[in-house]
Amino acid sequence: MSIKPLADRVLVKPAAAEEKSVGGIIIPDTAKEKPLKGEVIAVGNGTKDEDMIVKPKDQVLYGKYAGTEIELEGEVYLIMRQSDILAII
């Protein structure tokens, strides 16, 4: 990975959006909701006020509008502050 987050930032790969509903209906791309969970790929070193709790390979839940979307090597990632992460699952 050629990206190293700074300070209290975290690089997250969002989980794939659901292709079908619970009832089996195929969801078109325009109606898919943004996933709210993903896998931590890289973490920063933290700040003097905040230690890093999450680590690479953690599965996390984050807010709907958390982070900034970036594309790297054809993959979509989110870079966000650790405080935007709601839970480790």
N, C-alpha and C. Protein backbone atom coordinates (compact mmCIF):
# COMPACT_ATOMS: atom_id res chain seq x y z
N MET A 1 0.85 -1.18 0.00
CA MET A 1 0.00 0.00 0.00
C MET A 1 0.89 1.23 0.00
N SER A 2 0.61 2.15 -0.88
CA SER A 2 1.45 3.34 -1.01
C SER A 2 0.88 4.55 -0.27
N ILE A 3 -0.11 4.35 0.56
CA ILE A 3 -0.70 5.47 1.32
C ILE A 3 -0.50 5.21 2.80
N LYS A 4 -0.03 6.21 3.52
CA LYS A 4 0.13 6.13 4.97
C LYS A 4 -0.62 7.31 5.57
N PRO A 5 -1.75 7.06 6.26
CA PRO A 5 -2.50 8.16 6.87
C PRO A 5 -1.66 8.88 7.94
N LEU A 6 -1.90 10.16 8.10
CA LEU A 6 -1.20 10.97 9.08
C LEU A 6 -2.06 11.17 10.33
N ALA A 7 -1.40 11.43 11.44
CA ALA A 7 -2.04 11.76 12.72
C ALA A 7 -3.10 10.73 13.09
N ASP A 8 -4.35 11.17 13.31
CA ASP A 8 -5.41 10.27 13.78
C ASP A 8 -6.32 9.81 12.64
N ARG A 9 -5.79 9.75 11.43
CA ARG A 9 -6.60 9.35 10.28
C ARG A 9 -6.45 7.85 10.01
N VAL A 10 -7.49 7.30 9.36
CA VAL A 10 -7.59 5.87 9.10
C VAL A 10 -8.00 5.67 7.64
N LEU A 11 -7.39 4.71 6.95
CA LEU A 11 -7.77 4.34 5.59
C LEU A 11 -8.65 3.11 5.67
N VAL A 12 -9.87 3.21 5.13
CA VAL A 12 -10.85 2.13 5.22
C VAL A 12 -11.30 1.73 3.83
N LYS A 13 -11.39 0.43 3.59
CA LYS A 13 -11.97 -0.08 2.34
C LYS A 13 -13.42 -0.44 2.63
N PRO A 14 -14.37 0.30 2.03
CA PRO A 14 -15.79 0.01 2.29
C PRO A 14 -16.18 -1.39 1.82
N ALA A 15 -17.12 -1.98 2.53
CA ALA A 15 -17.66 -3.28 2.13
C ALA A 15 -18.48 -3.10 0.86
N ALA A 16 -18.62 -4.14 0.10
CA ALA A 16 -19.40 -4.07 -1.14
C ALA A 16 -20.87 -3.80 -0.83
N ALA A 17 -21.50 -3.00 -1.67
CA ALA A 17 -22.92 -2.70 -1.50
C ALA A 17 -23.74 -3.94 -1.84
N GLU A 18 -24.87 -4.06 -1.18
CA GLU A 18 -25.75 -5.22 -1.41
C GLU A 18 -26.29 -5.19 -2.83
N GLU A 19 -26.26 -6.35 -3.52
CA GLU A 19 -26.76 -6.47 -4.88
C GLU A 19 -28.25 -6.80 -4.91
N LYS A 20 -28.72 -7.52 -3.87
CA LYS A 20 -30.12 -7.92 -3.81
C LYS A 20 -30.71 -7.53 -2.47
N SER A 21 -32.01 -7.27 -2.46
CA SER A 21 -32.70 -6.97 -1.20
C SER A 21 -32.97 -8.29 -0.48
N VAL A 22 -33.49 -8.19 0.73
CA VAL A 22 -33.80 -9.39 1.52
C VAL A 22 -34.83 -10.25 0.79
N GLY A 23 -35.74 -9.61 0.07
CA GLY A 23 -36.77 -10.34 -0.66
C GLY A 23 -36.31 -10.88 -1.99
N GLY A 24 -35.06 -10.62 -2.39
CA GLY A 24 -34.52 -11.16 -3.63
C GLY A 24 -34.59 -10.21 -4.82
N ILE A 25 -35.02 -8.98 -4.60
CA ILE A 25 -35.11 -8.00 -5.69
C ILE A 25 -33.71 -7.44 -5.97
N ILE A 26 -33.31 -7.41 -7.23
CA ILE A 26 -32.00 -6.87 -7.61
C ILE A 26 -32.05 -5.35 -7.53
N ILE A 27 -31.07 -4.77 -6.83
CA ILE A 27 -31.03 -3.33 -6.61
C ILE A 27 -30.14 -2.68 -7.67
N PRO A 28 -30.67 -1.69 -8.44
CA PRO A 28 -29.84 -1.02 -9.44
C PRO A 28 -28.79 -0.14 -8.78
N ASP A 29 -27.70 0.16 -9.51
CA ASP A 29 -26.60 0.97 -8.97
C ASP A 29 -27.07 2.31 -8.43
N THR A 30 -28.04 2.93 -9.06
CA THR A 30 -28.50 4.25 -8.64
C THR A 30 -29.25 4.23 -7.32
N ALA A 31 -29.77 3.07 -6.92
CA ALA A 31 -30.55 2.97 -5.69
C ALA A 31 -29.77 2.36 -4.53
N LYS A 32 -28.54 1.94 -4.78
CA LYS A 32 -27.76 1.31 -3.72
C LYS A 32 -27.36 2.35 -2.68
N GLU A 33 -27.45 1.94 -1.42
CA GLU A 33 -27.02 2.82 -0.33
C GLU A 33 -25.53 2.64 -0.10
N LYS A 34 -24.91 3.71 0.34
CA LYS A 34 -23.48 3.68 0.65
C LYS A 34 -23.28 2.73 1.84
N PRO A 35 -22.32 1.80 1.74
CA PRO A 35 -22.10 0.88 2.86
C PRO A 35 -21.61 1.64 4.09
N LEU A 36 -21.95 1.16 5.27
CA LEU A 36 -21.58 1.80 6.52
C LEU A 36 -20.58 0.98 7.31
N LYS A 37 -20.01 -0.04 6.66
CA LYS A 37 -18.98 -0.82 7.33
C LYS A 37 -17.85 -1.09 6.34
N GLY A 38 -16.69 -1.42 6.89
CA GLY A 38 -15.55 -1.69 6.04
C GLY A 38 -14.39 -2.24 6.83
N GLU A 39 -13.27 -2.43 6.13
CA GLU A 39 -12.07 -2.99 6.75
C GLU A 39 -10.98 -1.93 6.80
N VAL A 40 -10.34 -1.79 7.95
CA VAL A 40 -9.25 -0.84 8.11
C VAL A 40 -8.04 -1.38 7.36
N ILE A 41 -7.47 -0.55 6.49
CA ILE A 41 -6.31 -0.94 5.69
C ILE A 41 -5.03 -0.39 6.31
N ALA A 42 -5.05 0.88 6.74
CA ALA A 42 -3.86 1.51 7.32
C ALA A 42 -4.31 2.56 8.34
N VAL A 43 -3.46 2.81 9.34
CA VAL A 43 -3.76 3.82 10.37
C VAL A 43 -2.56 4.74 10.55
N GLY A 44 -2.85 5.96 11.00
CA GLY A 44 -1.80 6.92 11.32
C GLY A 44 -1.19 6.60 12.68
N ASN A 45 -0.28 7.46 13.11
CA ASN A 45 0.41 7.25 14.40
C ASN A 45 -0.36 7.80 15.58
N GLY A 46 -1.43 8.54 15.35
CA GLY A 46 -2.18 9.16 16.43
C GLY A 46 -1.64 10.54 16.74
N THR A 47 -2.21 11.17 17.75
CA THR A 47 -1.76 12.48 18.19
C THR A 47 -1.40 12.38 19.67
N LYS A 48 -0.86 13.47 20.20
CA LYS A 48 -0.49 13.42 21.62
C LYS A 48 -1.72 13.33 22.52
N ASP A 49 -2.89 13.75 22.00
CA ASP A 49 -4.12 13.70 22.77
C ASP A 49 -4.95 12.44 22.51
N GLU A 50 -4.66 11.75 21.40
CA GLU A 50 -5.50 10.61 21.02
C GLU A 50 -4.63 9.44 20.54
N ASP A 51 -4.71 8.32 21.26
CA ASP A 51 -4.01 7.10 20.85
C ASP A 51 -4.86 6.38 19.81
N MET A 52 -4.22 5.65 18.93
CA MET A 52 -4.95 4.90 17.92
C MET A 52 -5.44 3.57 18.51
N ILE A 53 -6.73 3.38 18.46
CA ILE A 53 -7.37 2.18 19.00
C ILE A 53 -7.55 1.15 17.89
N VAL A 54 -7.94 1.61 16.69
CA VAL A 54 -8.14 0.69 15.58
C VAL A 54 -6.79 0.29 14.99
N LYS A 55 -6.78 -0.87 14.36
CA LYS A 55 -5.55 -1.36 13.73
C LYS A 55 -5.93 -2.00 12.39
N PRO A 56 -4.96 -2.19 11.51
CA PRO A 56 -5.26 -2.81 10.22
C PRO A 56 -5.96 -4.16 10.38
N LYS A 57 -6.87 -4.44 9.46
CA LYS A 57 -7.70 -5.65 9.39
C LYS A 57 -8.88 -5.64 10.34
N ASP A 58 -9.08 -4.57 11.14
CA ASP A 58 -10.29 -4.45 11.96
C ASP A 58 -11.48 -4.19 11.05
N GLN A 59 -12.62 -4.80 11.37
CA GLN A 59 -13.88 -4.50 10.69
C GLN A 59 -14.57 -3.41 11.51
N VAL A 60 -14.97 -2.32 10.85
CA VAL A 60 -15.51 -1.17 11.58
C VAL A 60 -16.83 -0.70 10.98
N LEU A 61 -17.61 -0.02 11.82
CA LEU A 61 -18.81 0.70 11.40
C LEU A 61 -18.50 2.18 11.48
N TYR A 62 -18.98 2.95 10.48
CA TYR A 62 -18.73 4.39 10.48
C TYR A 62 -19.99 5.12 10.05
N GLY A 63 -20.02 6.42 10.27
CA GLY A 63 -21.18 7.23 9.95
C GLY A 63 -21.43 7.33 8.45
N LYS A 64 -22.65 7.64 8.08
CA LYS A 64 -23.07 7.69 6.68
C LYS A 64 -22.26 8.69 5.86
N TYR A 65 -21.91 9.83 6.45
CA TYR A 65 -21.19 10.87 5.71
C TYR A 65 -19.74 11.00 6.16
N ALA A 66 -19.21 9.97 6.77
CA ALA A 66 -17.84 10.02 7.30
C ALA A 66 -16.82 9.87 6.18
N GLY A 67 -15.72 10.57 6.31
CA GLY A 67 -14.58 10.38 5.45
C GLY A 67 -14.64 11.02 4.09
N THR A 68 -13.50 10.95 3.42
CA THR A 68 -13.34 11.46 2.06
C THR A 68 -13.01 10.28 1.17
N GLU A 69 -13.76 10.16 0.07
CA GLU A 69 -13.57 9.05 -0.84
C GLU A 69 -12.36 9.32 -1.74
N ILE A 70 -11.47 8.33 -1.85
CA ILE A 70 -10.32 8.44 -2.74
C ILE A 70 -10.23 7.15 -3.56
N GLU A 71 -9.61 7.25 -4.74
CA GLU A 71 -9.41 6.08 -5.57
C GLU A 71 -7.91 5.84 -5.71
N LEU A 72 -7.50 4.61 -5.46
CA LEU A 72 -6.10 4.25 -5.53
C LEU A 72 -5.98 2.89 -6.20
N GLU A 73 -5.24 2.83 -7.30
CA GLU A 73 -5.02 1.59 -8.05
C GLU A 73 -6.34 0.92 -8.43
N GLY A 74 -7.32 1.71 -8.83
CA GLY A 74 -8.61 1.18 -9.27
C GLY A 74 -9.57 0.79 -8.16
N GLU A 75 -9.17 0.92 -6.91
CA GLU A 75 -10.03 0.59 -5.76
C GLU A 75 -10.48 1.88 -5.08
N VAL A 76 -11.67 1.86 -4.51
CA VAL A 76 -12.21 3.01 -3.79
C VAL A 76 -11.98 2.82 -2.29
N TYR A 77 -11.46 3.85 -1.65
CA TYR A 77 -11.18 3.83 -0.21
C TYR A 77 -11.77 5.09 0.42
N LEU A 78 -11.91 5.05 1.73
CA LEU A 78 -12.30 6.23 2.51
C LEU A 78 -11.17 6.55 3.47
N ILE A 79 -10.85 7.83 3.59
CA ILE A 79 -9.89 8.25 4.60
C ILE A 79 -10.66 9.14 5.57
N MET A 80 -10.60 8.79 6.86
CA MET A 80 -11.40 9.49 7.87
C MET A 80 -10.64 9.56 9.18
N ARG A 81 -11.12 10.40 10.06
CA ARG A 81 -10.55 10.48 11.40
C ARG A 81 -11.03 9.27 12.21
N GLN A 82 -10.21 8.85 13.15
CA GLN A 82 -10.59 7.73 14.01
C GLN A 82 -11.90 8.04 14.74
N SER A 83 -12.13 9.30 15.08
CA SER A 83 -13.35 9.67 15.81
C SER A 83 -14.63 9.50 14.96
N ASP A 84 -14.49 9.37 13.63
CA ASP A 84 -15.64 9.12 12.76
C ASP A 84 -16.08 7.66 12.80
N ILE A 85 -15.22 6.79 13.34
CA ILE A 85 -15.56 5.37 13.44
C ILE A 85 -16.44 5.17 14.66
N LEU A 86 -17.56 4.49 14.47
CA LEU A 86 -18.53 4.30 15.54
C LEU A 86 -18.25 3.05 16.37
N ALA A 87 -17.77 1.98 15.73
CA ALA A 87 -17.56 0.72 16.46
C ALA A 87 -16.62 -0.19 15.69
N ILE A 88 -15.97 -1.07 16.43
CA ILE A 88 -15.19 -2.16 15.83
C ILE A 88 -16.05 -3.42 15.97
N ILE A 89 -16.23 -4.15 14.86
CA ILE A 89 -17.08 -5.36 14.92
C ILE A 89 -16.24 -6.60 14.69
